[in-house]
Amino acid sequence: MNIKVFGACCSKCTMMYGYAEEIIKEQGLDATLDKVTDIKEQMKYGIMSLPALMVDEKGVSSGRMLSKKDMEKAICKK
């Protein structure tokens, strides 16, 4: 599983990245976690609003802060 958190190092993006780290650890997931801060890389994925979350190359959320519970649902639904 590959999880990407897109953001520009703002507090919401940093918090979402932290939530993702916690979820991976708590659930014992075999996952890689990337924080994408480069605007060119974000545009490559079509991300126009931050923060954003992508799981296995599929957009989960864009332009809003997800709660840890909502992130866990999105990440663990597989």
Protein backbone atom coordinates (compact mmCIF):
# COMPACT_ATOMS: atom_id res chain seq x y z
CA MET A 1 0.00 0.00 0.00
CA ASN A 2 1.23 3.49 -0.82
CA ILE A 3 -0.10 6.54 1.00
CA LYS A 4 0.68 10.09 -0.08
CA VAL A 5 -0.12 13.23 1.89
CA PHE A 6 0.07 16.36 -0.25
CA GLY A 7 0.76 19.71 1.34
CA ALA A 8 3.03 22.67 1.76
CA CYS A 9 4.12 22.02 5.35
CA CYS A 10 1.14 23.84 6.84
CA SER A 11 -0.23 22.69 10.19
CA LYS A 12 -3.14 20.76 8.62
CA CYS A 13 -0.89 18.91 6.19
CA THR A 14 1.57 18.09 8.96
CA MET A 15 -1.27 16.84 11.16
CA MET A 16 -2.65 14.61 8.38
CA TYR A 17 0.81 13.14 7.83
CA GLY A 18 1.06 12.43 11.55
CA TYR A 19 -2.37 10.75 11.51
CA ALA A 20 -1.24 8.56 8.62
CA GLU A 21 1.91 7.54 10.53
CA GLU A 22 -0.18 6.63 13.58
CA ILE A 23 -2.70 4.64 11.54
CA ILE A 24 0.03 2.64 9.80
CA LYS A 25 1.65 1.82 13.14
CA GLU A 26 -1.58 1.09 15.06
CA GLN A 27 -3.02 -1.12 12.32
CA GLY A 28 0.27 -2.85 11.53
CA LEU A 29 -0.05 -1.96 7.85
CA ASP A 30 2.56 -2.81 5.25
CA ALA A 31 2.57 0.67 3.73
CA THR A 32 4.89 3.35 2.45
CA LEU A 33 4.10 6.93 3.40
CA ASP A 34 5.20 9.94 1.37
CA LYS A 35 4.75 13.64 2.03
CA VAL A 36 4.58 15.50 -1.27
CA THR A 37 5.43 19.18 -0.87
CA ASP A 38 6.71 20.00 -4.37
CA ILE A 39 4.08 21.96 -6.31
CA LYS A 40 5.14 20.43 -9.64
CA GLU A 41 4.70 16.92 -8.22
CA GLN A 42 1.30 17.88 -6.80
CA MET A 43 0.19 19.22 -10.20
CA LYS A 44 1.35 15.98 -11.84
CA TYR A 45 -1.26 14.17 -9.73
CA GLY A 46 -3.91 16.80 -10.45
CA ILE A 47 -3.95 18.06 -6.86
CA MET A 48 -5.34 21.59 -6.87
CA SER A 49 -6.35 22.05 -3.21
CA LEU A 50 -4.41 21.20 -0.10
CA PRO A 51 -4.22 19.22 2.07
CA ALA A 52 -4.86 16.11 0.01
CA LEU A 53 -4.64 12.37 0.56
CA MET A 54 -4.02 9.62 -1.97
CA VAL A 55 -4.06 5.88 -1.27
CA ASP A 56 -2.64 3.52 -3.89
CA GLU A 57 -2.71 6.29 -6.51
CA LYS A 58 -6.42 7.03 -5.92
CA GLY A 59 -7.54 10.38 -4.60
CA VAL A 60 -9.26 10.12 -1.23
CA SER A 61 -9.53 13.76 -0.20
CA SER A 62 -8.53 17.18 -1.46
CA GLY A 63 -8.92 20.63 0.01
CA ARG A 64 -10.05 19.64 3.48
CA MET A 65 -8.59 18.36 6.70
CA LEU A 66 -9.63 14.80 7.45
CA SER A 67 -10.11 13.58 10.99
CA LYS A 68 -7.99 10.63 12.06
CA LYS A 69 -11.13 8.48 12.10
CA ASP A 70 -12.01 9.43 8.49
CA MET A 71 -8.44 8.82 7.36
CA GLU A 72 -8.44 5.42 9.03
CA LYS A 73 -11.65 4.49 7.20
CA ALA A 74 -10.16 5.55 3.87
CA ILE A 75 -6.83 3.81 4.41
CA CYS A 76 -8.11 0.59 5.96
CA LYS A 77 -11.11 -0.04 3.69
CA LYS A 78 -9.11 -2.48 1.59
